[in-house]
Amino acid sequence: MRRLLLLATALAIAIVGPTGARCQTPPSERELAAYAGLHAAAARGDADEIRRLAAGGGLNARDGNGRTPLHVAAFQGHGAAARALLAAGADPGLVDGQRYDAVTIAAVRDDVATLAALLAGGASAKLITSRYDGTALIAAAHLGHDGVVRALIAAGAPLDHVNNLGWTALMEAVVLGDGGPRHTATVRLLLEAGADASIADRQGRTPLDHARARGYAEMVRMLEATAR
């Protein structure tokens, strides 16, 4: 059974990608060099230039991959630029060519500071994003970004959303995690927030079943305590 579960996980990783939630396309060096206007200011993190240019419009303009200046600021980790764009009226709910919003981009980058800036500026932690119909919380849980998970939970991210692979954030933290400290902390945060540990995958296996099969002792302990 353990071998079958591990094979299933390997197949799932192959489907999702070698780094799972990182199926994103940040701006290339060539794109960054070619940007002008608000895209260039966002890429540099120049909040003053953003405020100067914002009056001329183009806050939600797209590059060749559908990225707005806000997406670019998130990809580059420029929280102050993101705040300036949002204050000027940029739409935080837009998605890029891979269907990622700025919040999910920051979540995948493990960028708590930029995430905080986005959320403080009115961005939502509740959007359905990516070709997997997931959420920023699922992406962060998958990668074991426990600080991001904590921030998203506090912002009201849906705890029990099931993506089109049939997995919740809790399931991904177990199935696609490494059992290490950060994925274990992620499981703890989700359970403490009230995530439903009884939601099974499409084969009827729960997060506890997967944790047991993988020998993730601390996750097993927490999940068993929840089940009692």
C-alpha atoms as a PDB file:
ATOM      1  CA  MET A   1       0.000   0.000   0.000  1.00  0.00           C
ATOM      2  CA  ARG A   2       2.806   2.421   0.873  1.00  0.00           C
ATOM      3  CA  ARG A   3       4.449   1.780  -2.497  1.00  0.00           C
ATOM      4  CA  LEU A   4       1.183   2.418  -4.322  1.00  0.00           C
ATOM      5  CA  LEU A   5       0.623   5.680  -2.442  1.00  0.00           C
ATOM      6  CA  LEU A   6       4.127   6.883  -3.212  1.00  0.00           C
ATOM      7  CA  LEU A   7       3.673   6.017  -6.880  1.00  0.00           C
ATOM      8  CA  ALA A   8       0.400   7.943  -6.906  1.00  0.00           C
ATOM      9  CA  THR A   9       2.167  10.932  -5.364  1.00  0.00           C
ATOM     10  CA  ALA A  10       4.927  10.785  -7.962  1.00  0.00           C
ATOM     11  CA  LEU A  11       2.306  10.781 -10.704  1.00  0.00           C
ATOM     12  CA  ALA A  12       0.535  13.752  -9.131  1.00  0.00           C
ATOM     13  CA  ILE A  13       3.790  15.697  -8.926  1.00  0.00           C
ATOM     14  CA  ALA A  14       4.412  14.940 -12.586  1.00  0.00           C
ATOM     15  CA  ILE A  15       0.966  16.316 -13.406  1.00  0.00           C
ATOM     16  CA  VAL A  16       1.305  19.442 -11.290  1.00  0.00           C
ATOM     17  CA  GLY A  17       4.950  20.063 -12.153  1.00  0.00           C
ATOM     18  CA  PRO A  18       8.310  19.383 -10.500  1.00  0.00           C
ATOM     19  CA  THR A  19       7.764  22.198  -8.034  1.00  0.00           C
ATOM     20  CA  GLY A  20       4.006  21.872  -7.946  1.00  0.00           C
ATOM     21  CA  ALA A  21       2.441  25.231  -7.241  1.00  0.00           C
ATOM     22  CA  ARG A  22       5.397  26.964  -8.928  1.00  0.00           C
ATOM     23  CA  CYS A  23       3.819  26.463 -12.383  1.00  0.00           C
ATOM     24  CA  GLN A  24       4.103  30.206 -12.873  1.00  0.00           C
ATOM     25  CA  THR A  25       5.885  32.352 -15.440  1.00  0.00           C
ATOM     26  CA  PRO A  26       7.731  35.280 -13.894  1.00  0.00           C
ATOM     27  CA  PRO A  27       8.976  37.997 -16.235  1.00  0.00           C
ATOM     28  CA  SER A  28      12.157  37.006 -18.050  1.00  0.00           C
ATOM     29  CA  GLU A  29      15.247  39.189 -18.017  1.00  0.00           C
ATOM     30  CA  ARG A  30      14.404  40.238 -21.572  1.00  0.00           C
ATOM     31  CA  GLU A  31      10.868  41.200 -20.577  1.00  0.00           C
ATOM     32  CA  LEU A  32      12.092  43.130 -17.556  1.00  0.00           C
ATOM     33  CA  ALA A  33      14.549  45.049 -19.703  1.00  0.00           C
ATOM     34  CA  ALA A  34      11.859  45.858 -22.282  1.00  0.00           C
ATOM     35  CA  TYR A  35       9.209  47.110 -19.869  1.00  0.00           C
ATOM     36  CA  ALA A  36       8.143  50.733 -19.991  1.00  0.00           C
ATOM     37  CA  GLY A  37       5.833  52.927 -17.936  1.00  0.00           C
ATOM     38  CA  LEU A  38       4.090  51.304 -14.985  1.00  0.00           C
ATOM     39  CA  HIS A  39       5.415  47.838 -15.791  1.00  0.00           C
ATOM     40  CA  ALA A  40       8.969  49.187 -15.627  1.00  0.00           C
ATOM     41  CA  ALA A  41       8.297  51.106 -12.426  1.00  0.00           C
ATOM     42  CA  ALA A  42       6.747  47.991 -10.831  1.00  0.00           C
ATOM     43  CA  ALA A  43       9.714  45.876 -11.927  1.00  0.00           C
ATOM     44  CA  ARG A  44      12.104  48.354 -10.271  1.00  0.00           C
ATOM     45  CA  GLY A  45       9.931  48.751  -7.194  1.00  0.00           C
ATOM     46  CA  ASP A  46       9.733  52.486  -7.766  1.00  0.00           C
ATOM     47  CA  ALA A  47       6.658  53.523  -5.776  1.00  0.00           C
ATOM     48  CA  ASP A  48       7.193  57.236  -6.411  1.00  0.00           C
ATOM     49  CA  GLU A  49       7.265  56.684 -10.172  1.00  0.00           C
ATOM     50  CA  ILE A  50       4.127  54.547  -9.911  1.00  0.00           C
ATOM     51  CA  ARG A  51       2.307  57.364  -8.143  1.00  0.00           C
ATOM     52  CA  ARG A  52       3.490  59.825 -10.803  1.00  0.00           C
ATOM     53  CA  LEU A  53       2.457  57.634 -13.734  1.00  0.00           C
ATOM     54  CA  ALA A  54      -0.819  56.343 -12.294  1.00  0.00           C
ATOM     55  CA  ALA A  55      -2.757  59.455 -13.215  1.00  0.00           C
ATOM     56  CA  GLY A  56      -2.200  58.635 -16.867  1.00  0.00           C
ATOM     57  CA  GLY A  57      -3.998  55.290 -16.637  1.00  0.00           C
ATOM     58  CA  GLY A  58      -2.703  51.884 -17.595  1.00  0.00           C
ATOM     59  CA  LEU A  59      -2.865  50.494 -14.076  1.00  0.00           C
ATOM     60  CA  ASN A  60      -4.265  47.212 -15.394  1.00  0.00           C
ATOM     61  CA  ALA A  61      -2.356  47.103 -18.680  1.00  0.00           C
ATOM     62  CA  ARG A  62      -1.101  43.659 -19.707  1.00  0.00           C
ATOM     63  CA  ASP A  63       2.243  42.454 -21.009  1.00  0.00           C
ATOM     64  CA  GLY A  64       2.601  39.554 -23.441  1.00  0.00           C
ATOM     65  CA  ASN A  65       1.830  37.000 -20.731  1.00  0.00           C
ATOM     66  CA  GLY A  66      -1.143  38.870 -19.308  1.00  0.00           C
ATOM     67  CA  ARG A  67       0.802  40.301 -16.378  1.00  0.00           C
ATOM     68  CA  THR A  68      -0.333  43.642 -15.005  1.00  0.00           C
ATOM     69  CA  PRO A  69       2.077  45.960 -13.190  1.00  0.00           C
ATOM     70  CA  LEU A  70       0.716  44.496  -9.929  1.00  0.00           C
ATOM     71  CA  HIS A  71       1.651  40.971 -11.031  1.00  0.00           C
ATOM     72  CA  VAL A  72       5.128  42.218 -11.904  1.00  0.00           C
ATOM     73  CA  ALA A  73       5.516  43.882  -8.496  1.00  0.00           C
ATOM     74  CA  ALA A  74       4.473  40.620  -6.827  1.00  0.00           C
ATOM     75  CA  PHE A  75       6.861  38.529  -8.926  1.00  0.00           C
ATOM     76  CA  GLN A  76       9.712  40.890  -8.076  1.00  0.00           C
ATOM     77  CA  GLY A  77       8.836  41.065  -4.390  1.00  0.00           C
ATOM     78  CA  HIS A  78       8.230  44.819  -4.296  1.00  0.00           C
ATOM     79  CA  GLY A  79       5.662  45.344  -1.562  1.00  0.00           C
ATOM     80  CA  ALA A  80       5.863  49.135  -1.586  1.00  0.00           C
ATOM     81  CA  ALA A  81       5.220  49.159  -5.342  1.00  0.00           C
ATOM     82  CA  ALA A  82       2.264  46.845  -4.846  1.00  0.00           C
ATOM     83  CA  ARG A  83       0.842  49.177  -2.193  1.00  0.00           C
ATOM     84  CA  ALA A  84       1.256  52.163  -4.501  1.00  0.00           C
ATOM     85  CA  LEU A  85      -0.478  50.377  -7.375  1.00  0.00           C
ATOM     86  CA  LEU A  86      -3.395  49.306  -5.196  1.00  0.00           C
ATOM     87  CA  ALA A  87      -3.743  52.768  -3.689  1.00  0.00           C
ATOM     88  CA  ALA A  88      -3.915  54.184  -7.213  1.00  0.00           C
ATOM     89  CA  GLY A  89      -6.715  51.790  -8.155  1.00  0.00           C
ATOM     90  CA  ALA A  90      -5.064  48.697  -9.643  1.00  0.00           C
ATOM     91  CA  ASP A  91      -7.402  45.691  -9.705  1.00  0.00           C
ATOM     92  CA  PRO A  92      -6.009  42.998  -7.337  1.00  0.00           C
ATOM     93  CA  GLY A  93      -8.357  40.328  -8.681  1.00  0.00           C
ATOM     94  CA  LEU A  94      -6.902  40.065 -12.182  1.00  0.00           C
ATOM     95  CA  VAL A  95      -5.029  36.897 -13.178  1.00  0.00           C
ATOM     96  CA  ASP A  96      -2.123  36.482 -15.573  1.00  0.00           C
ATOM     97  CA  GLY A  97      -1.711  34.057 -18.450  1.00  0.00           C
ATOM     98  CA  GLN A  98      -1.380  31.085 -16.089  1.00  0.00           C
ATOM     99  CA  ARG A  99      -4.410  32.241 -14.072  1.00  0.00           C
ATOM    100  CA  TYR A 100      -2.434  33.435 -11.055  1.00  0.00           C
ATOM    101  CA  ASP A 101      -3.366  36.545  -9.120  1.00  0.00           C
ATOM    102  CA  ALA A 102      -0.855  38.671  -7.236  1.00  0.00           C
ATOM    103  CA  VAL A 103      -1.698  37.033  -3.884  1.00  0.00           C
ATOM    104  CA  THR A 104      -0.973  33.540  -5.190  1.00  0.00           C
ATOM    105  CA  ILE A 105       2.224  34.763  -6.833  1.00  0.00           C
ATOM    106  CA  ALA A 106       3.432  36.128  -3.485  1.00  0.00           C
ATOM    107  CA  ALA A 107       2.312  32.936  -1.731  1.00  0.00           C
ATOM    108  CA  VAL A 108       4.331  30.735  -4.068  1.00  0.00           C
ATOM    109  CA  ARG A 109       7.376  33.000  -3.639  1.00  0.00           C
ATOM    110  CA  ASP A 110       7.097  32.567   0.152  1.00  0.00           C
ATOM    111  CA  ASP A 111       7.021  36.355   0.336  1.00  0.00           C
ATOM    112  CA  VAL A 112       5.165  37.229   3.521  1.00  0.00           C
ATOM    113  CA  ALA A 113       6.006  40.935   3.316  1.00  0.00           C
ATOM    114  CA  THR A 114       4.614  41.421  -0.195  1.00  0.00           C
ATOM    115  CA  LEU A 115       1.616  39.271   0.678  1.00  0.00           C
ATOM    116  CA  ALA A 116       0.916  41.489   3.686  1.00  0.00           C
ATOM    117  CA  ALA A 117       1.111  44.579   1.479  1.00  0.00           C
ATOM    118  CA  LEU A 118      -1.328  43.072  -1.015  1.00  0.00           C
ATOM    119  CA  LEU A 119      -3.817  42.023   1.645  1.00  0.00           C
ATOM    120  CA  ALA A 120      -3.596  45.386   3.403  1.00  0.00           C
ATOM    121  CA  GLY A 121      -4.285  47.063   0.069  1.00  0.00           C
ATOM    122  CA  GLY A 122      -7.506  45.164  -0.491  1.00  0.00           C
ATOM    123  CA  ALA A 123      -6.416  42.011  -2.337  1.00  0.00           C
ATOM    124  CA  SER A 124      -8.401  38.866  -1.551  1.00  0.00           C
ATOM    125  CA  ALA A 125      -7.150  35.566  -0.163  1.00  0.00           C
ATOM    126  CA  LYS A 126     -10.277  33.836  -1.484  1.00  0.00           C
ATOM    127  CA  LEU A 127      -9.794  33.779  -5.253  1.00  0.00           C
ATOM    128  CA  ILE A 128      -9.841  30.558  -7.289  1.00  0.00           C
ATOM    129  CA  THR A 129      -6.653  30.562  -9.317  1.00  0.00           C
ATOM    130  CA  SER A 130      -4.448  28.472 -11.621  1.00  0.00           C
ATOM    131  CA  ARG A 131      -5.403  25.766 -14.091  1.00  0.00           C
ATOM    132  CA  TYR A 132      -5.925  23.499 -11.076  1.00  0.00           C
ATOM    133  CA  ASP A 133      -8.769  25.684  -9.746  1.00  0.00           C
ATOM    134  CA  GLY A 134      -6.896  26.061  -6.504  1.00  0.00           C
ATOM    135  CA  THR A 135      -6.260  28.878  -4.062  1.00  0.00           C
ATOM    136  CA  ALA A 136      -3.269  30.739  -2.700  1.00  0.00           C
ATOM    137  CA  LEU A 137      -3.673  28.695   0.489  1.00  0.00           C
ATOM    138  CA  ILE A 138      -3.455  25.394  -1.374  1.00  0.00           C
ATOM    139  CA  ALA A 139      -0.329  26.585  -3.189  1.00  0.00           C
ATOM    140  CA  ALA A 140       1.319  27.709   0.045  1.00  0.00           C
ATOM    141  CA  ALA A 141       0.371  24.512   1.894  1.00  0.00           C
ATOM    142  CA  HIS A 142       1.744  22.393  -0.937  1.00  0.00           C
ATOM    143  CA  LEU A 143       5.108  24.156  -0.624  1.00  0.00           C
ATOM    144  CA  GLY A 144       5.162  24.257   3.181  1.00  0.00           C
ATOM    145  CA  HIS A 145       5.208  28.044   3.316  1.00  0.00           C
ATOM    146  CA  ASP A 146       3.928  28.137   6.857  1.00  0.00           C
ATOM    147  CA  GLY A 147       4.272  31.891   7.381  1.00  0.00           C
ATOM    148  CA  VAL A 148       2.234  32.524   4.257  1.00  0.00           C
ATOM    149  CA  VAL A 149      -0.313  29.940   5.360  1.00  0.00           C
ATOM    150  CA  ARG A 150      -0.700  31.757   8.677  1.00  0.00           C
ATOM    151  CA  ALA A 151      -1.268  35.089   6.917  1.00  0.00           C
ATOM    152  CA  LEU A 152      -3.760  33.644   4.442  1.00  0.00           C
ATOM    153  CA  ILE A 153      -5.756  31.938   7.176  1.00  0.00           C
ATOM    154  CA  ALA A 154      -5.933  35.236   9.063  1.00  0.00           C
ATOM    155  CA  ALA A 155      -7.176  36.883   5.862  1.00  0.00           C
ATOM    156  CA  GLY A 156     -10.073  34.437   5.544  1.00  0.00           C
ATOM    157  CA  ALA A 157      -8.736  32.055   2.918  1.00  0.00           C
ATOM    158  CA  PRO A 158     -11.128  29.113   2.332  1.00  0.00           C
ATOM    159  CA  LEU A 159      -9.780  26.250   4.407  1.00  0.00           C
ATOM    160  CA  ASP A 160     -11.550  23.371   2.702  1.00  0.00           C
ATOM    161  CA  HIS A 161     -11.601  24.319  -0.970  1.00  0.00           C
ATOM    162  CA  VAL A 162     -11.060  21.231  -3.149  1.00  0.00           C
ATOM    163  CA  ASN A 163      -9.091  21.807  -6.348  1.00  0.00           C
ATOM    164  CA  ASN A 164      -9.588  19.890  -9.575  1.00  0.00           C
ATOM    165  CA  LEU A 165      -7.040  17.296  -8.493  1.00  0.00           C
ATOM    166  CA  GLY A 166      -9.415  16.483  -5.632  1.00  0.00           C
ATOM    167  CA  TRP A 167      -7.188  17.904  -2.892  1.00  0.00           C
ATOM    168  CA  THR A 168      -7.573  20.462  -0.119  1.00  0.00           C
ATOM    169  CA  ALA A 169      -4.757  22.548   1.356  1.00  0.00           C
ATOM    170  CA  LEU A 170      -4.467  20.034   4.195  1.00  0.00           C
ATOM    171  CA  MET A 171      -4.253  17.126   1.769  1.00  0.00           C
ATOM    172  CA  GLU A 172      -1.556  18.840  -0.293  1.00  0.00           C
ATOM    173  CA  ALA A 173       0.528  19.625   2.795  1.00  0.00           C
ATOM    174  CA  VAL A 174       0.631  15.888   3.485  1.00  0.00           C
ATOM    175  CA  VAL A 175       0.646  14.330   0.025  1.00  0.00           C
ATOM    176  CA  LEU A 176       2.999  16.786  -1.661  1.00  0.00           C
ATOM    177  CA  GLY A 177       4.916  17.809   1.456  1.00  0.00           C
ATOM    178  CA  ASP A 178       8.187  16.349   2.689  1.00  0.00           C
ATOM    179  CA  GLY A 179       7.088  15.680   6.255  1.00  0.00           C
ATOM    180  CA  GLY A 180       9.593  18.238   7.514  1.00  0.00           C
ATOM    181  CA  PRO A 181       9.191  21.072  10.011  1.00  0.00           C
ATOM    182  CA  ARG A 182       7.538  23.582   7.672  1.00  0.00           C
ATOM    183  CA  HIS A 183       4.994  21.181   6.210  1.00  0.00           C
ATOM    184  CA  THR A 184       4.301  19.895   9.725  1.00  0.00           C
ATOM    185  CA  ALA A 185       3.778  23.473  10.928  1.00  0.00           C
ATOM    186  CA  THR A 186       1.458  24.014   7.963  1.00  0.00           C
ATOM    187  CA  VAL A 187      -0.655  21.021   8.948  1.00  0.00           C
ATOM    188  CA  ARG A 188      -0.801  22.311  12.517  1.00  0.00           C
ATOM    189  CA  LEU A 189      -1.927  25.767  11.421  1.00  0.00           C
ATOM    190  CA  LEU A 190      -4.635  24.364   9.160  1.00  0.00           C
ATOM    191  CA  LEU A 191      -5.970  22.041  11.848  1.00  0.00           C
ATOM    192  CA  GLU A 192      -5.928  24.768  14.493  1.00  0.00           C
ATOM    193  CA  ALA A 193      -7.889  26.986  12.107  1.00  0.00           C
ATOM    194  CA  GLY A 194     -10.543  24.290  11.679  1.00  0.00           C
ATOM    195  CA  ALA A 195      -9.635  22.622   8.386  1.00  0.00           C
ATOM    196  CA  ASP A 196     -11.707  19.480   7.836  1.00  0.00           C
ATOM    197  CA  ALA A 197      -9.375  16.496   8.127  1.00  0.00           C
ATOM    198  CA  SER A 198     -12.109  14.080   7.063  1.00  0.00           C
ATOM    199  CA  ILE A 199     -12.162  15.290   3.436  1.00  0.00           C
ATOM    200  CA  ALA A 200     -10.738  12.395   1.435  1.00  0.00           C
ATOM    201  CA  ASP A 201      -9.124  12.283  -1.983  1.00  0.00           C
ATOM    202  CA  ARG A 202     -10.747  10.670  -4.995  1.00  0.00           C
ATOM    203  CA  GLN A 203      -9.534   7.265  -3.858  1.00  0.00           C
ATOM    204  CA  GLY A 204     -11.215   7.712  -0.477  1.00  0.00           C
ATOM    205  CA  ARG A 205      -7.975   8.245   1.468  1.00  0.00           C
ATOM    206  CA  THR A 206      -7.821  10.937   4.117  1.00  0.00           C
ATOM    207  CA  PRO A 207      -4.839  13.098   5.081  1.00  0.00           C
ATOM    208  CA  LEU A 208      -4.347  10.770   8.054  1.00  0.00           C
ATOM    209  CA  ASP A 209      -4.167   7.738   5.743  1.00  0.00           C
ATOM    210  CA  HIS A 210      -1.496   9.438   3.668  1.00  0.00           C
ATOM    211  CA  ALA A 211       0.473  10.630   6.694  1.00  0.00           C
ATOM    212  CA  ARG A 212       0.511   7.103   8.106  1.00  0.00           C
ATOM    213  CA  ALA A 213       1.614   5.617   4.776  1.00  0.00           C
ATOM    214  CA  ARG A 214       4.504   8.083   4.595  1.00  0.00           C
ATOM    215  CA  GLY A 215       5.574   7.668   8.202  1.00  0.00           C
ATOM    216  CA  TYR A 216       5.044  11.341   9.075  1.00  0.00           C
ATOM    217  CA  ALA A 217       4.766  10.685  12.801  1.00  0.00           C
ATOM    218  CA  GLU A 218       4.022  14.211  14.026  1.00  0.00           C
ATOM    219  CA  MET A 219       1.401  14.773  11.341  1.00  0.00           C
ATOM    220  CA  VAL A 220      -0.162  11.431  12.279  1.00  0.00           C
ATOM    221  CA  ARG A 221      -0.291  12.483  15.921  1.00  0.00           C
ATOM    222  CA  MET A 222      -2.026  15.761  15.111  1.00  0.00           C
ATOM    223  CA  LEU A 223      -4.468  14.214  12.659  1.00  0.00           C
ATOM    224  CA  GLU A 224      -5.334  11.390  15.040  1.00  0.00           C
ATOM    225  CA  ALA A 225      -6.025  13.937  17.770  1.00  0.00           C
ATOM    226  CA  THR A 226      -8.375  15.763  15.424  1.00  0.00           C
ATOM    227  CA  ALA A 227     -10.182  12.532  14.561  1.00  0.00           C
ATOM    228  CA  ARG A 228     -10.935  11.717  18.198  1.00  0.00           C
END
